[in-house]
Amino acid sequence: MALLPLMRGILAIERQPGELVPHNQLDRLAGFGLITSAVLYLCFNAFGGMVRGILGPIGLAPIAYLPFVVGLVSLLANTLARVGDPQTSTSQFVVLAFLFLEVLISISLGRSIGVVLFSLYICTAIFVAMAVTQRGMQDRMIRAMVPIFYVSVVGVVLSSIIEFPWAHSTYEVMGVQREATREWSAGGRARLAGFSQASYMASAVIIISYCAAEHECKTLFKKALCWAAGCYAIYLTTSKSVLLAMLALPVTYAAIGRIQANDGAKRKSLATILLAFWVMLIFAGPLLSITYGKQIYPQGVGEGPSYSSLADRVLNTWPQAIGLVDWSNPASWLVGRGLGGIGGPMAMVDPNTANSADNLAVYLIVMFGAVSIAIGYLIFRGGQRAIDAGGRGRREFAMIIAMLGVGTAANVIEATFTAMVVGLAVGRQPSRSAAYVKKRRGHRARDKASGTAA
């Protein structure tokens, strides 16, 4: 694969087959900005440790926020350019209305404006991926992941052999000293991050980008070789939930191979079973932790080599996260703790009780309450629509399954690659075509005429 021709094709400003037709020059630039932001997000996350380790000491660490700046400007331009468009304006209005209400709710629940804004900053990668998908440009974003897979695997393996020059680098942002690469261990084993900032980020990069690379592999042998290399690299990161999701991926691919020969109904049914299994597993863990956690792990989390990160989640992380919500307040059942009520934003203001959630269902329930059910449905529906699309849509389906697998015991919202898959799934909702809108307007006009005549 020639990298430069690949990137020229991905970042081309001209419309490519399957993408929405730009209304004007602003719309064209908005699309270019969105895909540029998406690629920057992918690269700065996959190589975040190296970028910060090199740029941080010379005072250029703020360049790491370039994907957010480009994404924010492009999202605003995209919203303005597509006002009135039947295929995207409704979904954009719904998202903006939802965010506006969430900001008001979060502030009314006591979240500071800074924490709310930081939460929106984290979610910007999701919004960018949603907009890219709604414009039909997700193929470009996914193609950019292919070379990232190979480089990330090499990076993790290399970090097990040599120490990178930026391994102990630190830099200062707004008076706070930060590490370029997070150095930590689990059970006495170093958690290797490769070129990324942290091991959990590296593992998420590898499993999601593998789904992109697998689609480009022409032979079963090469697919298996890439899968084995990815499994080994994830093993080195010690990210157990991601490794289990990676080990389970062949089941998804076997199912995908089977449903290619079936009719649409059977194809959708099998995809629904796979999606339902992972969604139920995501919810099962936290529910079991509340009811039977101590019975499942009577010996506790263990220490040293016997330490179990899953036991820690079951006994501590998940129950404590759910306990953050004031369930005695009926409003909390509906809206949760609001933006900034869990994860990284919470750690800014309350590091002593901060909780990473480490489960997609827990993260969404604590932040959004019952509204999280609607978000879960959109992810589920996005997976169904991906498999309906056939061809490259099956590649997206595998990514969504991989993201759900990771989400059983990890924070997928604050890891860029998995977060962008969430955006891809939510963005893959049925849109109203111009023909549909014209037909509906015709029906309304006839109904109005009939009423006048009567």
Protein backbone atom coordinates (compact mmCIF):
# COMPACT_ATOMS: atom_id res chain seq x y z
CA MET A 1 0.00 0.00 0.00
CA ALA A 2 1.46 3.33 -1.08
CA LEU A 3 0.89 5.73 1.82
CA LEU A 4 1.01 9.05 -0.04
CA PRO A 5 -1.50 8.08 -2.77
CA LEU A 6 -3.73 6.63 -0.05
CA MET A 7 -3.71 9.87 1.95
CA ARG A 8 -4.22 11.99 -1.17
CA GLY A 9 -7.35 9.98 -1.93
CA ILE A 10 -8.61 10.19 1.64
CA LEU A 11 -8.05 13.95 1.96
CA ALA A 12 -9.17 14.88 -1.55
CA ILE A 13 -11.59 17.81 -1.52
CA GLU A 14 -13.48 16.41 -4.51
CA ARG A 15 -16.62 14.36 -3.85
CA GLN A 16 -16.18 10.59 -4.13
CA PRO A 17 -18.80 7.94 -5.11
CA GLY A 18 -21.44 7.37 -2.43
CA GLU A 19 -20.92 10.73 -0.72
CA LEU A 20 -23.51 13.48 -0.46
CA VAL A 21 -23.41 16.08 -3.20
CA PRO A 22 -22.16 19.42 -1.76
CA HIS A 23 -24.66 22.28 -1.96
CA ASN A 24 -22.01 24.98 -2.27
CA GLN A 25 -18.35 25.75 -1.64
CA LEU A 26 -18.90 26.05 2.13
CA ASP A 27 -20.45 22.59 2.14
CA ARG A 28 -17.52 21.21 0.15
CA LEU A 29 -15.02 22.76 2.59
CA ALA A 30 -17.02 21.47 5.56
CA GLY A 31 -16.77 17.92 4.23
CA PHE A 32 -13.03 18.33 3.67
CA GLY A 33 -12.61 19.74 7.17
CA LEU A 34 -14.56 16.89 8.76
CA ILE A 35 -12.52 14.15 7.13
CA THR A 36 -9.30 16.06 7.92
CA SER A 37 -10.35 16.29 11.56
CA ALA A 38 -11.22 12.57 11.63
CA VAL A 39 -7.80 11.60 10.25
CA LEU A 40 -6.06 13.95 12.69
CA TYR A 41 -8.00 12.41 15.58
CA LEU A 42 -6.92 8.92 14.49
CA CYS A 43 -3.26 9.85 14.06
CA PHE A 44 -2.92 11.97 17.21
CA ASN A 45 -4.50 9.18 19.26
CA ALA A 46 -2.53 6.31 17.73
CA PHE A 47 0.76 8.21 18.03
CA GLY A 48 -0.15 10.46 20.96
CA GLY A 49 2.72 9.41 23.21
CA MET A 50 5.32 10.05 20.55
CA VAL A 51 3.74 13.36 19.49
CA ARG A 52 3.52 14.70 23.04
CA GLY A 53 6.93 13.31 23.97
CA ILE A 54 8.59 15.16 21.10
CA LEU A 55 6.52 18.35 20.99
CA GLY A 56 5.82 18.74 24.72
CA PRO A 57 9.34 19.56 25.93
CA ILE A 58 9.69 22.29 23.29
CA GLY A 59 6.39 23.91 24.20
CA LEU A 60 4.35 22.66 21.23
CA ALA A 61 2.10 20.23 23.13
CA PRO A 62 -1.04 22.33 22.32
CA ILE A 63 -0.72 21.09 18.71
CA ALA A 64 -2.31 17.89 20.07
CA TYR A 65 -5.59 19.84 20.24
CA LEU A 66 -5.55 20.52 16.49
CA PRO A 67 -8.06 17.72 15.70
CA PHE A 68 -10.58 19.31 18.08
CA VAL A 69 -10.13 22.81 16.63
CA VAL A 70 -10.49 21.59 13.03
CA GLY A 71 -13.42 19.39 14.03
CA LEU A 72 -15.30 22.15 15.85
CA VAL A 73 -14.94 24.62 12.96
CA SER A 74 -15.94 21.95 10.44
CA LEU A 75 -18.98 20.87 12.46
CA LEU A 76 -20.20 24.47 12.60
CA ALA A 77 -19.63 24.91 8.85
CA ASN A 78 -21.36 21.60 8.15
CA THR A 79 -24.40 22.64 10.21
CA LEU A 80 -24.69 25.98 8.41
CA ALA A 81 -24.11 24.51 4.96
CA ARG A 82 -26.74 21.77 5.29
CA VAL A 83 -29.59 23.80 6.77
CA GLY A 84 -32.78 22.65 5.07
CA ASP A 85 -31.20 19.54 3.58
CA PRO A 86 -33.71 16.65 3.97
CA GLN A 87 -31.00 14.04 4.47
CA THR A 88 -29.07 15.66 7.32
CA SER A 89 -30.80 18.73 8.75
CA THR A 90 -33.29 16.79 10.92
CA SER A 91 -30.61 14.68 12.60
CA GLN A 92 -28.44 17.76 13.11
CA PHE A 93 -31.32 19.61 14.74
CA VAL A 94 -32.02 16.65 17.05
CA VAL A 95 -28.35 16.44 18.11
CA LEU A 96 -28.12 20.19 18.75
CA ALA A 97 -31.39 20.21 20.72
CA PHE A 98 -30.22 17.21 22.76
CA LEU A 99 -26.88 18.84 23.56
CA PHE A 100 -28.54 22.14 24.50
CA LEU A 101 -30.88 20.37 26.92
CA GLU A 102 -28.04 18.27 28.34
CA VAL A 103 -25.95 21.38 29.02
CA LEU A 104 -28.87 23.02 30.86
CA ILE A 105 -29.58 19.84 32.83
CA SER A 106 -25.93 19.33 33.73
CA ILE A 107 -25.50 22.89 35.00
CA SER A 108 -28.75 22.63 36.99
CA LEU A 109 -27.39 19.44 38.60
CA GLY A 110 -24.33 21.33 39.82
CA ARG A 111 -21.79 20.61 37.11
CA SER A 112 -19.49 23.55 36.44
CA ILE A 113 -19.37 25.10 32.98
CA GLY A 114 -15.72 24.06 32.63
CA VAL A 115 -16.52 20.41 33.36
CA VAL A 116 -19.47 20.45 30.94
CA LEU A 117 -17.31 21.96 28.21
CA PHE A 118 -14.58 19.38 28.84
CA SER A 119 -17.16 16.62 28.50
CA LEU A 120 -18.29 18.10 25.17
CA TYR A 121 -14.63 18.31 24.12
CA ILE A 122 -14.25 14.57 24.76
CA CYS A 123 -17.39 13.85 22.74
CA THR A 124 -16.29 15.95 19.75
CA ALA A 125 -14.63 12.91 18.15
CA ILE A 126 -18.03 11.17 18.27
CA PHE A 127 -19.76 14.15 16.64
CA VAL A 128 -17.12 14.31 13.90
CA ALA A 129 -17.54 10.60 13.12
CA MET A 130 -21.33 11.04 13.09
CA ALA A 131 -21.13 13.92 10.62
CA VAL A 132 -18.62 12.07 8.43
CA THR A 133 -20.94 9.04 8.33
CA GLN A 134 -24.04 11.12 7.57
CA ARG A 135 -22.21 12.59 4.60
CA GLY A 136 -21.28 9.09 3.38
CA MET A 137 -17.55 9.76 3.89
CA GLN A 138 -16.89 7.04 6.48
CA ASP A 139 -15.02 4.89 3.94
CA ARG A 140 -12.26 7.52 3.84
CA MET A 141 -12.01 7.55 7.63
CA ILE A 142 -11.81 3.75 7.79
CA ARG A 143 -9.20 3.53 5.03
CA ALA A 144 -6.99 5.85 7.10
CA MET A 145 -7.00 3.22 9.86
CA VAL A 146 -5.35 0.53 7.72
CA PRO A 147 -1.71 1.73 7.91
CA ILE A 148 -2.29 2.74 11.54
CA PHE A 149 -2.93 -0.91 12.42
CA TYR A 150 0.44 -2.08 11.15
CA VAL A 151 2.38 0.81 12.70
CA SER A 152 0.61 0.44 16.06
CA VAL A 153 1.33 -3.29 16.28
CA VAL A 154 5.00 -2.66 15.51
CA GLY A 155 5.07 0.14 18.09
CA VAL A 156 3.75 -2.02 20.93
CA VAL A 157 6.07 -4.92 20.07
CA LEU A 158 9.06 -2.56 19.85
CA SER A 159 8.23 -1.04 23.24
CA SER A 160 8.56 -4.52 24.75
CA ILE A 161 12.14 -4.69 23.44
CA ILE A 162 13.47 -1.15 23.68
CA GLU A 163 12.65 1.99 25.64
CA PHE A 164 11.45 4.84 23.47
CA PRO A 165 13.25 8.20 23.88
CA TRP A 166 10.04 9.88 25.04
CA ALA A 167 9.25 7.19 27.65
CA HIS A 168 9.92 9.50 30.61
CA SER A 169 9.15 12.83 28.94
CA THR A 170 6.85 15.29 30.67
CA TYR A 171 5.31 18.55 29.52
CA GLU A 172 3.27 21.33 31.06
CA VAL A 173 -0.27 22.32 30.06
CA MET A 174 -1.97 25.21 31.90
CA GLY A 175 0.40 24.82 34.83
CA VAL A 176 -0.15 21.07 35.16
CA GLN A 177 2.74 18.66 34.59
CA ARG A 178 1.77 15.69 32.42
CA GLU A 179 3.44 12.51 31.20
CA ALA A 180 3.86 11.97 27.46
CA THR A 181 3.25 8.24 27.97
CA ARG A 182 1.51 6.78 30.98
CA GLU A 183 3.79 4.28 32.70
CA TRP A 184 2.00 1.76 34.88
CA SER A 185 1.70 -1.94 35.53
CA ALA A 186 -0.89 -4.58 36.38
CA GLY A 187 -0.12 -7.76 38.27
CA GLY A 188 3.58 -6.99 38.11
CA ARG A 189 3.56 -6.63 34.31
CA ALA A 190 4.26 -3.37 32.50
CA ARG A 191 1.33 -2.13 30.44
CA LEU A 192 2.91 -1.21 27.12
CA ALA A 193 1.54 1.74 25.16
CA GLY A 194 3.67 1.62 22.00
CA PHE A 195 3.43 4.95 20.19
CA SER A 196 0.22 5.87 22.03
CA GLN A 197 -0.26 7.64 25.36
CA ALA A 198 -1.52 4.66 27.36
CA SER A 199 -1.92 0.92 27.02
CA TYR A 200 -5.73 1.02 26.90
CA MET A 201 -5.55 3.51 24.03
CA ALA A 202 -3.08 1.33 22.12
CA SER A 203 -5.26 -1.76 22.49
CA ALA A 204 -8.36 0.12 21.28
CA VAL A 205 -6.40 1.43 18.28
CA ILE A 206 -5.27 -2.08 17.34
CA ILE A 207 -8.63 -3.87 17.55
CA ILE A 208 -10.59 -1.20 15.66
CA SER A 209 -7.94 -0.62 12.99
CA TYR A 210 -7.62 -4.40 12.55
CA CYS A 211 -11.23 -4.46 11.32
CA ALA A 212 -10.21 -1.91 8.68
CA ALA A 213 -7.03 -3.80 7.72
CA GLU A 214 -8.81 -7.17 7.59
CA HIS A 215 -11.10 -5.91 4.85
CA GLU A 216 -8.07 -5.05 2.70
CA CYS A 217 -6.38 -8.47 3.18
CA LYS A 218 -6.86 -10.57 0.06
CA THR A 219 -6.14 -14.03 1.50
CA LEU A 220 -7.29 -15.92 4.58
CA PHE A 221 -3.66 -16.48 5.55
CA LYS A 222 -2.93 -12.74 5.63
CA LYS A 223 -6.14 -12.09 7.60
CA ALA A 224 -5.12 -14.73 10.15
CA LEU A 225 -1.55 -13.43 10.34
CA CYS A 226 -2.73 -9.87 11.00
CA TRP A 227 -5.21 -11.14 13.59
CA ALA A 228 -2.50 -13.13 15.41
CA ALA A 229 -0.15 -10.13 15.39
CA GLY A 230 -2.93 -7.92 16.72
CA CYS A 231 -3.74 -10.42 19.49
CA TYR A 232 -0.09 -10.55 20.55
CA ALA A 233 0.24 -6.76 20.61
CA ILE A 234 -2.95 -6.41 22.65
CA TYR A 235 -1.66 -9.10 25.03
CA LEU A 236 1.42 -6.94 25.60
CA THR A 237 -0.82 -4.02 26.61
CA THR A 238 -2.45 -6.32 29.25
CA SER A 239 -5.90 -5.02 28.21
CA LYS A 240 -7.89 -8.17 28.97
CA SER A 241 -11.34 -7.05 27.80
CA VAL A 242 -9.90 -5.89 24.47
CA LEU A 243 -7.98 -9.15 24.08
CA LEU A 244 -11.15 -11.18 24.70
CA ALA A 245 -13.01 -9.05 22.15
CA MET A 246 -10.18 -9.60 19.64
CA LEU A 247 -10.21 -13.36 20.26
CA ALA A 248 -13.98 -13.38 19.66
CA LEU A 249 -13.78 -11.47 16.37
CA PRO A 250 -13.37 -14.63 14.21
CA VAL A 251 -16.88 -15.64 15.30
CA THR A 252 -18.19 -12.38 13.88
CA TYR A 253 -16.27 -12.84 10.64
CA ALA A 254 -17.48 -16.43 10.35
CA ALA A 255 -21.05 -15.18 10.72
CA ILE A 256 -20.44 -12.41 8.19
CA GLY A 257 -19.13 -14.98 5.71
CA ARG A 258 -22.22 -17.10 6.26
CA ILE A 259 -24.78 -14.33 5.90
CA GLN A 260 -23.35 -13.16 2.59
CA ALA A 261 -25.11 -16.10 0.95
CA ASN A 262 -28.42 -15.62 2.78
CA ASP A 263 -31.38 -13.39 2.02
CA GLY A 264 -31.90 -10.02 3.68
CA ALA A 265 -34.15 -11.28 6.48
CA LYS A 266 -31.75 -14.01 7.60
CA ARG A 267 -28.81 -11.66 7.28
CA LYS A 268 -30.47 -9.13 9.55
CA SER A 269 -31.58 -11.80 12.04
CA LEU A 270 -28.08 -13.18 12.49
CA ALA A 271 -26.64 -9.69 12.84
CA THR A 272 -29.31 -8.87 15.43
CA ILE A 273 -28.37 -11.95 17.46
CA LEU A 274 -24.70 -10.93 17.52
CA LEU A 275 -25.55 -7.35 18.47
CA ALA A 276 -28.02 -8.47 21.15
CA PHE A 277 -25.46 -10.84 22.69
CA TRP A 278 -22.85 -8.12 23.17
CA VAL A 279 -25.38 -5.53 24.36
CA MET A 280 -26.73 -7.97 26.96
CA LEU A 281 -23.18 -8.77 28.04
CA ILE A 282 -22.45 -5.07 28.50
CA PHE A 283 -25.45 -4.72 30.82
CA ALA A 284 -24.98 -8.08 32.55
CA GLY A 285 -21.62 -7.22 34.10
CA PRO A 286 -22.75 -4.16 36.09
CA LEU A 287 -26.03 -5.81 37.14
CA LEU A 288 -24.21 -8.89 38.41
CA SER A 289 -21.67 -6.71 40.21
CA ILE A 290 -24.41 -5.02 42.22
CA THR A 291 -26.29 -8.19 43.12
CA TYR A 292 -23.70 -10.97 43.24
CA GLY A 293 -20.32 -9.24 43.15
CA LYS A 294 -19.06 -10.49 46.50
CA GLN A 295 -20.31 -14.02 45.80
CA ILE A 296 -18.49 -14.07 42.45
CA TYR A 297 -15.22 -12.79 43.95
CA PRO A 298 -15.26 -13.73 47.66
CA GLN A 299 -11.46 -13.41 47.86
CA GLY A 300 -11.49 -9.78 46.70
CA VAL A 301 -9.36 -8.27 43.93
CA GLY A 302 -6.09 -9.92 44.94
CA GLU A 303 -2.62 -8.42 45.10
CA GLY A 304 0.49 -8.54 42.93
CA PRO A 305 0.41 -11.35 40.36
CA SER A 306 -2.98 -12.51 41.68
CA TYR A 307 -4.59 -9.09 41.11
CA SER A 308 -7.71 -9.28 38.93
CA SER A 309 -8.76 -6.12 37.10
CA LEU A 310 -12.15 -7.69 36.35
CA ALA A 311 -12.68 -8.40 40.05
CA ASP A 312 -11.77 -4.76 40.75
CA ARG A 313 -14.42 -3.63 38.29
CA VAL A 314 -17.07 -6.00 39.67
CA LEU A 315 -16.38 -5.20 43.33
CA ASN A 316 -15.43 -1.52 43.12
CA THR A 317 -15.59 0.40 39.83
CA TRP A 318 -19.09 -0.52 38.63
CA PRO A 319 -20.96 -0.41 41.97
CA GLN A 320 -19.26 2.84 42.94
CA ALA A 321 -20.04 4.42 39.55
CA ILE A 322 -23.71 3.50 39.75
CA GLY A 323 -23.74 4.70 43.35
CA LEU A 324 -22.77 8.20 42.16
CA VAL A 325 -26.32 8.70 40.88
CA ASP A 326 -28.90 9.95 43.38
CA TRP A 327 -31.47 7.24 42.72
CA SER A 328 -33.79 8.69 45.38
CA ASN A 329 -34.38 11.63 43.03
CA PRO A 330 -36.85 10.68 40.24
CA ALA A 331 -35.17 13.18 37.90
CA SER A 332 -31.89 11.26 38.18
CA TRP A 333 -33.58 8.16 36.80
CA LEU A 334 -34.37 10.15 33.67
CA VAL A 335 -31.21 12.24 33.17
CA GLY A 336 -28.51 10.67 35.38
CA ARG A 337 -25.70 12.98 36.54
CA GLY A 338 -25.45 14.89 33.27
CA LEU A 339 -22.40 15.87 31.25
CA GLY A 340 -19.22 15.67 33.31
CA GLY A 341 -20.77 13.31 35.85
CA ILE A 342 -18.39 10.42 35.15
CA GLY A 343 -14.96 9.71 33.71
CA GLY A 344 -12.24 12.22 32.89
CA PRO A 345 -14.30 15.41 33.39
CA MET A 346 -15.25 14.27 36.89
CA ALA A 347 -11.58 13.64 37.72
CA MET A 348 -10.90 17.35 37.08
CA VAL A 349 -13.00 18.51 40.03
CA ASP A 350 -13.27 15.47 42.29
CA PRO A 351 -10.23 13.21 41.83
CA ASN A 352 -10.88 11.36 45.10
CA THR A 353 -14.22 9.92 43.95
CA ALA A 354 -13.57 10.01 40.20
CA ASN A 355 -14.66 6.89 38.38
CA SER A 356 -13.80 5.78 34.82
CA ALA A 357 -16.90 3.51 34.63
CA ASP A 358 -14.99 0.97 32.48
CA ASN A 359 -18.21 -0.20 30.86
CA LEU A 360 -20.26 1.41 28.09
CA ALA A 361 -23.62 0.84 29.81
CA VAL A 362 -22.38 2.20 33.15
CA TYR A 363 -20.87 5.30 31.50
CA LEU A 364 -24.07 6.11 29.59
CA ILE A 365 -26.45 5.34 32.47
CA VAL A 366 -24.53 7.49 34.95
CA MET A 367 -24.26 10.37 32.49
CA PHE A 368 -27.67 10.22 30.79
CA GLY A 369 -29.98 8.05 32.92
CA ALA A 370 -32.91 6.53 31.02
CA VAL A 371 -31.94 8.56 27.94
CA SER A 372 -29.02 6.14 27.56
CA ILE A 373 -31.52 3.51 26.38
CA ALA A 374 -32.19 5.62 23.28
CA ILE A 375 -28.45 5.97 22.64
CA GLY A 376 -28.03 2.21 23.03
CA TYR A 377 -30.86 1.66 20.55
CA LEU A 378 -29.20 3.96 18.00
CA ILE A 379 -25.94 2.00 18.31
CA PHE A 380 -27.87 -1.26 17.91
CA ARG A 381 -29.79 0.11 14.91
CA GLY A 382 -26.56 1.39 13.38
CA GLY A 383 -25.14 -2.13 13.48
CA GLN A 384 -28.22 -3.47 11.72
CA ARG A 385 -28.03 -0.83 9.02
CA ALA A 386 -24.32 -1.52 8.51
CA ILE A 387 -24.96 -5.20 7.82
CA ASP A 388 -27.87 -4.27 5.52
CA ALA A 389 -25.50 -2.19 3.40
CA GLY A 390 -23.42 -5.24 2.44
CA GLY A 391 -19.87 -4.99 1.11
CA ARG A 392 -17.97 -2.41 3.11
CA GLY A 393 -20.91 -2.13 5.50
CA ARG A 394 -19.93 -5.53 6.91
CA ARG A 395 -16.54 -4.06 7.77
CA GLU A 396 -18.34 -1.36 9.77
CA PHE A 397 -20.50 -4.03 11.41
CA ALA A 398 -17.35 -5.84 12.60
CA MET A 399 -16.07 -2.54 14.02
CA ILE A 400 -19.30 -1.99 15.94
CA ILE A 401 -19.16 -5.53 17.34
CA ALA A 402 -15.51 -4.97 18.33
CA MET A 403 -16.43 -1.69 20.05
CA LEU A 404 -19.22 -3.42 21.99
CA GLY A 405 -16.80 -6.17 22.98
CA VAL A 406 -14.33 -3.61 24.31
CA GLY A 407 -17.20 -1.79 26.03
CA THR A 408 -17.95 -4.76 28.28
CA ALA A 409 -15.07 -3.79 30.58
CA ALA A 410 -13.50 -0.58 29.28
CA ASN A 411 -14.28 3.10 28.78
CA VAL A 412 -14.98 3.36 25.05
CA ILE A 413 -16.29 6.95 25.12
CA GLU A 414 -12.94 8.47 26.14
CA ALA A 415 -10.79 6.36 23.80
CA THR A 416 -10.78 8.03 20.38
CA PHE A 417 -10.95 4.97 18.11
CA THR A 418 -13.84 3.28 19.92
CA ALA A 419 -15.57 6.64 20.40
CA MET A 420 -15.47 7.25 16.65
CA VAL A 421 -17.06 3.83 16.09
CA VAL A 422 -19.85 4.92 18.45
CA GLY A 423 -20.27 7.98 16.23
CA LEU A 424 -20.21 5.82 13.12
CA ALA A 425 -22.97 3.58 14.52
CA VAL A 426 -25.17 6.46 15.69
CA GLY A 427 -24.60 8.30 12.42
CA ARG A 428 -25.76 5.28 10.41
CA GLN A 429 -29.45 6.01 10.89
CA PRO A 430 -32.02 6.14 8.07
CA SER A 431 -32.19 9.61 6.58
CA ARG A 432 -35.09 11.20 4.79
CA SER A 433 -34.36 11.45 1.09
CA ALA A 434 -35.42 14.41 -0.99
CA ALA A 435 -37.91 12.16 -2.80
CA TYR A 436 -39.44 11.11 0.53
CA VAL A 437 -39.81 14.72 1.69
CA LYS A 438 -41.35 15.73 -1.64
CA LYS A 439 -43.81 12.83 -1.38
CA ARG A 440 -44.78 13.78 2.19
CA ARG A 441 -45.30 17.41 1.18
CA GLY A 442 -47.50 16.23 -1.69
CA HIS A 443 -49.64 14.19 0.69
CA ARG A 444 -50.00 17.15 3.04
CA ALA A 445 -50.97 19.44 0.16
CA ARG A 446 -53.64 16.98 -1.00
CA ASP A 447 -54.95 16.56 2.54
CA LYS A 448 -55.15 20.34 2.93
CA ALA A 449 -56.92 20.69 -0.43
CA SER A 450 -59.40 17.96 0.52
CA GLY A 451 -60.10 19.68 3.83
CA THR A 452 -60.68 23.02 2.08
CA ALA A 453 -63.01 21.43 -0.47
CA ALA A 454 -65.01 19.78 2.29
